[in-house]
N, C-alpha and C. Protein backbone atom coordinates (compact mmCIF):
# COMPACT_ATOMS: atom_id res chain seq x y z
N MET A 1 -28.37 11.17 50.88
CA MET A 1 -28.84 10.84 49.80
C MET A 1 -27.97 9.99 48.85
N PRO A 2 -28.50 8.88 48.38
CA PRO A 2 -27.43 7.78 47.89
C PRO A 2 -27.15 8.23 46.43
N ARG A 3 -25.96 8.09 46.04
CA ARG A 3 -25.69 8.41 44.53
C ARG A 3 -25.65 7.11 43.76
N GLY A 4 -25.79 7.46 42.50
CA GLY A 4 -25.58 6.21 41.43
C GLY A 4 -27.00 5.85 40.90
N ARG A 5 -27.04 4.87 40.08
CA ARG A 5 -28.07 4.44 39.35
C ARG A 5 -29.19 3.84 40.24
N LYS A 6 -30.47 3.90 40.02
CA LYS A 6 -31.53 3.21 40.67
C LYS A 6 -31.36 1.85 40.32
N PRO A 7 -31.39 0.89 41.08
CA PRO A 7 -31.75 -0.50 40.66
C PRO A 7 -33.18 -0.80 39.74
N ASP A 8 -32.89 -1.63 38.77
CA ASP A 8 -34.04 -1.95 37.86
C ASP A 8 -34.85 -2.98 38.56
N ALA A 9 -34.51 -3.74 39.60
CA ALA A 9 -35.10 -4.54 40.16
C ALA A 9 -35.41 -4.13 41.57
N ASP A 10 -35.90 -5.00 42.52
CA ASP A 10 -36.00 -4.64 43.76
C ASP A 10 -34.78 -4.75 44.63
N HIS A 11 -33.74 -5.24 44.17
CA HIS A 11 -32.42 -5.47 44.74
C HIS A 11 -31.41 -5.10 43.61
N ALA A 12 -29.95 -4.62 44.16
CA ALA A 12 -29.03 -4.33 43.46
C ALA A 12 -28.47 -5.30 42.65
N MET A 13 -27.64 -5.09 41.53
CA MET A 13 -27.10 -6.09 40.79
C MET A 13 -25.73 -6.44 41.49
N SER A 14 -25.57 -7.84 41.32
CA SER A 14 -24.28 -8.14 41.81
C SER A 14 -23.20 -7.91 40.60
N ASN A 15 -21.75 -8.02 41.06
CA ASN A 15 -20.99 -7.50 40.26
C ASN A 15 -20.85 -8.57 38.92
N ALA A 16 -21.23 -9.95 39.09
CA ALA A 16 -21.24 -10.76 37.86
C ALA A 16 -22.33 -10.34 36.94
N GLU A 17 -23.53 -9.87 37.63
CA GLU A 17 -24.49 -9.54 36.69
C GLU A 17 -24.30 -8.23 36.07
N ARG A 18 -23.68 -7.43 36.70
CA ARG A 18 -23.16 -6.15 36.13
C ARG A 18 -22.27 -6.39 34.91
N GLN A 19 -21.30 -7.24 35.13
CA GLN A 19 -20.35 -7.65 34.16
C GLN A 19 -21.03 -8.33 32.91
N ALA A 20 -22.02 -9.19 33.07
CA ALA A 20 -22.56 -9.88 32.21
C ALA A 20 -23.37 -9.00 31.08
N ARG A 21 -24.00 -8.01 31.65
CA ARG A 21 -24.83 -6.78 31.12
C ARG A 21 -23.88 -6.01 30.42
N TYR A 22 -22.77 -5.69 30.93
CA TYR A 22 -21.71 -4.88 30.09
C TYR A 22 -21.34 -5.53 29.08
N ARG A 23 -20.76 -6.82 29.02
CA ARG A 23 -20.31 -7.62 27.85
C ARG A 23 -21.29 -7.83 27.00
N ALA A 24 -22.57 -7.90 27.16
CA ALA A 24 -23.77 -8.23 26.27
C ALA A 24 -23.97 -6.88 25.35
N ARG A 25 -23.73 -5.68 26.18
CA ARG A 25 -24.06 -4.37 25.59
C ARG A 25 -22.87 -4.13 24.53
N CYS A 26 -21.69 -4.49 24.96
CA CYS A 26 -20.54 -4.22 24.06
C CYS A 26 -20.54 -5.10 22.96
N ALA A 27 -21.17 -6.36 22.93
CA ALA A 27 -21.08 -7.28 21.91
C ALA A 27 -22.31 -6.92 21.20
N MET A 28 -23.34 -6.30 21.57
CA MET A 28 -24.36 -6.03 20.67
C MET A 28 -24.21 -4.84 19.85
N ALA A 29 -23.56 -3.67 20.63
CA ALA A 29 -23.36 -2.46 20.21
C ALA A 29 -22.26 -2.12 19.03
N SER A 30 -21.27 -2.81 19.01
CA SER A 30 -20.19 -2.34 18.03
C SER A 30 -20.04 -3.59 17.10
N PRO A 31 -20.40 -3.53 15.81
CA PRO A 31 -20.15 -4.51 14.90
C PRO A 31 -18.44 -4.29 14.50
N ASN A 32 -18.05 -5.21 13.94
CA ASN A 32 -16.60 -5.14 13.42
C ASN A 32 -16.32 -3.93 12.60
N ILE A 33 -15.87 -3.01 12.88
CA ILE A 33 -15.40 -1.99 12.11
C ILE A 33 -14.01 -1.78 11.93
N VAL A 34 -13.65 -1.90 10.54
CA VAL A 34 -12.38 -1.89 9.99
C VAL A 34 -11.88 -0.52 9.57
N THR A 35 -10.79 -0.05 9.89
CA THR A 35 -10.40 1.17 9.43
C THR A 35 -9.04 0.89 8.92
N ARG A 36 -9.06 1.42 7.73
CA ARG A 36 -7.76 1.30 7.12
C ARG A 36 -6.82 2.70 7.05
N PRO A 37 -5.75 2.44 7.28
CA PRO A 37 -5.01 3.69 7.13
C PRO A 37 -4.93 4.48 5.78
N ARG A 38 -4.83 5.68 5.70
CA ARG A 38 -4.60 6.40 4.30
C ARG A 38 -3.24 6.23 4.01
N ARG A 39 -3.06 6.24 2.63
CA ARG A 39 -1.79 6.30 2.17
C ARG A 39 -1.30 7.80 2.10
N PRO A 40 0.05 7.98 2.48
CA PRO A 40 0.47 9.36 2.50
C PRO A 40 0.52 9.85 1.09
N THR A 41 0.01 11.08 0.96
CA THR A 41 -0.07 11.97 -0.31
C THR A 41 1.46 12.26 -0.81
N ASP A 42 1.43 11.90 -2.01
CA ASP A 42 2.76 12.23 -2.91
C ASP A 42 2.90 13.71 -3.14
N ARG A 43 3.71 14.43 -2.62
CA ARG A 43 3.95 15.90 -2.48
C ARG A 43 4.88 16.39 -3.84
N ARG A 44 5.18 15.24 -4.34
CA ARG A 44 6.51 15.82 -5.37
C ARG A 44 5.68 16.27 -6.56
N SER A 45 6.49 17.02 -7.36
CA SER A 45 6.06 17.71 -8.54
C SER A 45 5.99 16.54 -9.79
N ARG A 46 5.36 16.77 -10.73
CA ARG A 46 5.17 15.89 -11.61
C ARG A 46 6.66 15.49 -12.49
N PRO A 47 7.23 16.60 -12.83
CA PRO A 47 8.79 16.07 -13.41
C PRO A 47 9.58 15.38 -12.41
N THR A 48 9.35 15.79 -11.07
CA THR A 48 10.22 15.07 -10.05
C THR A 48 9.82 13.49 -10.02
N ARG A 49 8.58 13.19 -10.08
CA ARG A 49 7.88 12.01 -10.11
C ARG A 49 8.30 11.30 -11.35
N TRP A 50 8.44 12.08 -12.45
CA TRP A 50 8.70 11.49 -13.66
C TRP A 50 10.26 10.90 -13.71
N ARG A 51 10.98 11.92 -13.18
CA ARG A 51 12.49 11.46 -13.05
C ARG A 51 12.73 10.33 -12.27
N ASP A 52 11.96 10.28 -11.10
CA ASP A 52 12.13 9.14 -10.14
C ASP A 52 11.71 7.83 -10.60
N ALA A 53 10.60 7.95 -11.50
CA ALA A 53 10.12 6.60 -12.19
C ALA A 53 11.10 6.18 -13.24
N VAL A 54 11.70 7.24 -14.08
CA VAL A 54 12.50 6.82 -14.92
C VAL A 54 13.73 6.19 -14.34
N ALA A 55 14.42 6.69 -13.26
CA ALA A 55 15.52 6.27 -12.60
C ALA A 55 15.25 4.83 -12.08
N GLU A 56 14.06 4.58 -11.55
CA GLU A 56 13.71 3.19 -11.17
C GLU A 56 13.43 2.09 -12.30
N LEU A 57 13.10 2.62 -13.41
CA LEU A 57 13.08 1.77 -14.56
C LEU A 57 14.42 1.52 -15.11
N LEU A 58 15.10 2.39 -15.15
CA LEU A 58 16.40 2.10 -15.63
C LEU A 58 17.33 1.22 -14.69
N ALA A 59 16.95 1.23 -13.34
CA ALA A 59 17.62 0.32 -12.45
C ALA A 59 16.84 -0.98 -12.68
N LEU A 60 15.65 -1.24 -12.87
CA LEU A 60 15.16 -2.49 -13.46
C LEU A 60 15.75 -3.03 -14.67
N GLN A 61 15.93 -2.05 -15.72
CA GLN A 61 16.50 -2.41 -17.01
C GLN A 61 17.97 -2.96 -16.59
N ALA A 62 18.82 -2.51 -15.76
CA ALA A 62 20.16 -3.03 -15.57
C ALA A 62 20.00 -4.49 -15.01
N LYS A 63 19.03 -4.65 -14.03
CA LYS A 63 18.79 -5.90 -13.41
C LYS A 63 18.34 -7.00 -14.52
N TYR A 64 17.40 -6.54 -15.44
CA TYR A 64 17.10 -7.41 -16.35
C TYR A 64 18.17 -7.84 -17.55
N ALA A 65 19.00 -6.82 -17.66
CA ALA A 65 20.33 -7.09 -18.58
C ALA A 65 21.16 -8.10 -17.80
N ALA A 66 21.40 -7.85 -16.38
CA ALA A 66 22.19 -8.95 -15.87
C ALA A 66 21.53 -10.23 -15.84
N TRP A 67 20.14 -10.26 -15.64
CA TRP A 67 19.40 -11.56 -15.88
C TRP A 67 19.48 -12.23 -17.25
N SER A 68 19.46 -11.37 -18.26
CA SER A 68 19.57 -11.84 -19.59
C SER A 68 20.95 -12.38 -19.87
N ASP A 69 22.06 -11.75 -19.14
CA ASP A 69 23.42 -12.25 -19.49
C ASP A 69 23.64 -13.66 -18.72
N ALA A 70 22.87 -13.87 -17.59
CA ALA A 70 23.12 -15.03 -16.91
C ALA A 70 22.31 -16.29 -17.40
N LEU A 71 21.40 -16.00 -18.32
CA LEU A 71 20.60 -17.23 -18.78
C LEU A 71 21.58 -18.19 -19.24
N PRO A 72 21.29 -19.55 -18.99
CA PRO A 72 22.03 -20.68 -19.63
C PRO A 72 21.79 -20.82 -20.97
N GLU A 73 22.59 -21.47 -21.74
CA GLU A 73 22.47 -21.63 -23.16
C GLU A 73 21.27 -22.35 -23.64
N SER A 74 20.64 -22.92 -22.64
CA SER A 74 19.55 -23.83 -23.13
C SER A 74 18.18 -22.78 -23.17
N LEU A 75 18.45 -21.68 -22.54
CA LEU A 75 17.15 -20.63 -22.54
C LEU A 75 17.38 -19.56 -23.43
N ARG A 76 18.56 -19.51 -24.13
CA ARG A 76 18.89 -18.41 -25.04
C ARG A 76 17.87 -18.04 -26.14
N GLU A 77 17.19 -19.11 -26.43
CA GLU A 77 16.36 -19.16 -27.78
C GLU A 77 14.89 -19.05 -27.10
N SER A 78 14.72 -18.90 -26.02
CA SER A 78 13.19 -19.16 -25.46
C SER A 78 12.66 -17.51 -25.54
N SER A 79 11.21 -17.52 -25.43
CA SER A 79 10.58 -16.31 -25.59
C SER A 79 10.82 -15.41 -24.14
N MET A 80 11.23 -16.21 -23.09
CA MET A 80 11.65 -15.32 -21.94
C MET A 80 12.97 -14.32 -22.47
N ALA A 81 14.03 -15.07 -23.04
CA ALA A 81 15.01 -14.56 -23.33
C ALA A 81 14.79 -13.43 -24.34
N GLU A 82 13.97 -13.58 -25.39
CA GLU A 82 13.47 -12.57 -26.37
C GLU A 82 12.88 -11.27 -25.42
N THR A 83 11.82 -11.49 -24.51
CA THR A 83 11.36 -10.42 -23.88
C THR A 83 12.40 -9.67 -23.03
N LEU A 84 13.41 -10.35 -22.43
CA LEU A 84 14.58 -9.64 -21.65
C LEU A 84 15.16 -9.00 -22.62
N GLN A 85 15.50 -9.33 -23.81
CA GLN A 85 16.30 -8.61 -24.86
C GLN A 85 15.50 -7.25 -25.38
N GLU A 86 14.20 -7.49 -25.42
CA GLU A 86 13.50 -6.23 -25.82
C GLU A 86 13.48 -5.12 -24.61
N ILE A 87 13.39 -5.62 -23.48
CA ILE A 87 13.61 -4.76 -22.34
C ILE A 87 15.08 -4.06 -22.23
N VAL A 88 16.01 -4.90 -22.58
CA VAL A 88 17.44 -4.33 -22.63
C VAL A 88 17.36 -3.44 -23.60
N ASP A 89 16.96 -3.54 -25.01
CA ASP A 89 17.10 -2.78 -25.94
C ASP A 89 16.35 -1.49 -25.81
N LEU A 90 15.42 -1.28 -24.89
CA LEU A 90 14.60 -0.14 -24.89
C LEU A 90 15.60 0.96 -24.29
N ASP A 91 15.74 1.92 -24.94
CA ASP A 91 16.62 3.11 -24.55
C ASP A 91 15.98 4.48 -24.91
N SER A 92 14.71 4.50 -25.29
CA SER A 92 14.19 5.85 -25.65
C SER A 92 13.55 6.46 -24.52
N LEU A 93 13.35 5.77 -23.28
CA LEU A 93 12.75 6.25 -22.24
C LEU A 93 13.67 7.32 -21.40
N ALA A 94 14.85 7.19 -21.40
CA ALA A 94 15.66 8.13 -20.69
C ALA A 94 15.75 9.42 -21.37
N ALA A 95 15.54 9.52 -22.81
CA ALA A 95 15.65 10.62 -23.34
C ALA A 95 14.24 11.51 -23.34
N ILE A 96 13.25 10.95 -22.78
CA ILE A 96 11.93 11.99 -22.68
C ILE A 96 11.93 12.76 -21.60
N THR A 97 11.64 13.91 -21.69
CA THR A 97 11.68 14.83 -20.66
C THR A 97 10.05 15.62 -20.86
N PRO A 98 9.47 15.51 -19.68
CA PRO A 98 7.94 15.96 -19.70
C PRO A 98 8.19 17.64 -19.91
N PRO A 99 7.09 18.24 -20.59
CA PRO A 99 7.01 19.53 -20.83
C PRO A 99 7.00 20.49 -19.57
N ARG A 100 7.65 21.46 -19.39
CA ARG A 100 7.46 22.57 -18.28
C ARG A 100 6.05 23.25 -18.53
N GLY A 101 5.63 23.54 -17.28
CA GLY A 101 4.20 24.10 -17.44
C GLY A 101 3.87 25.16 -16.26
N TYR A 102 3.43 26.11 -17.04
CA TYR A 102 2.91 27.31 -16.03
C TYR A 102 3.93 27.93 -14.99
N GLY A 103 5.09 27.66 -15.02
CA GLY A 103 6.15 28.36 -14.45
C GLY A 103 6.33 27.76 -13.06
N ARG A 104 5.64 26.60 -13.07
CA ARG A 104 5.91 25.91 -11.79
C ARG A 104 6.91 24.88 -11.55
N ASP A 105 7.69 24.69 -12.56
CA ASP A 105 8.70 23.74 -12.67
C ASP A 105 10.03 24.35 -12.40
């Protein structure tokens, strides 16, 4: 007893016909599906995330202070220099601590 699929026509398909049928079926069946990987979940507590964010902002503030000090004299009176100076003068962020909550901190 022969195994395999029965031929659709009166003769068996050649390899080229089989390959053409396979390629047509693959091209027709699957549209372009785009999967995007999920971002990892941040498992840190809120106070820890706050401290990390403040540390990052203080590091940026130090870089902006260095940028402000390195400005040429022609740009000392510009709006960019004023904005940099406002960022450098901002010092209340480090003093803020989030409230403790529900015994989980």
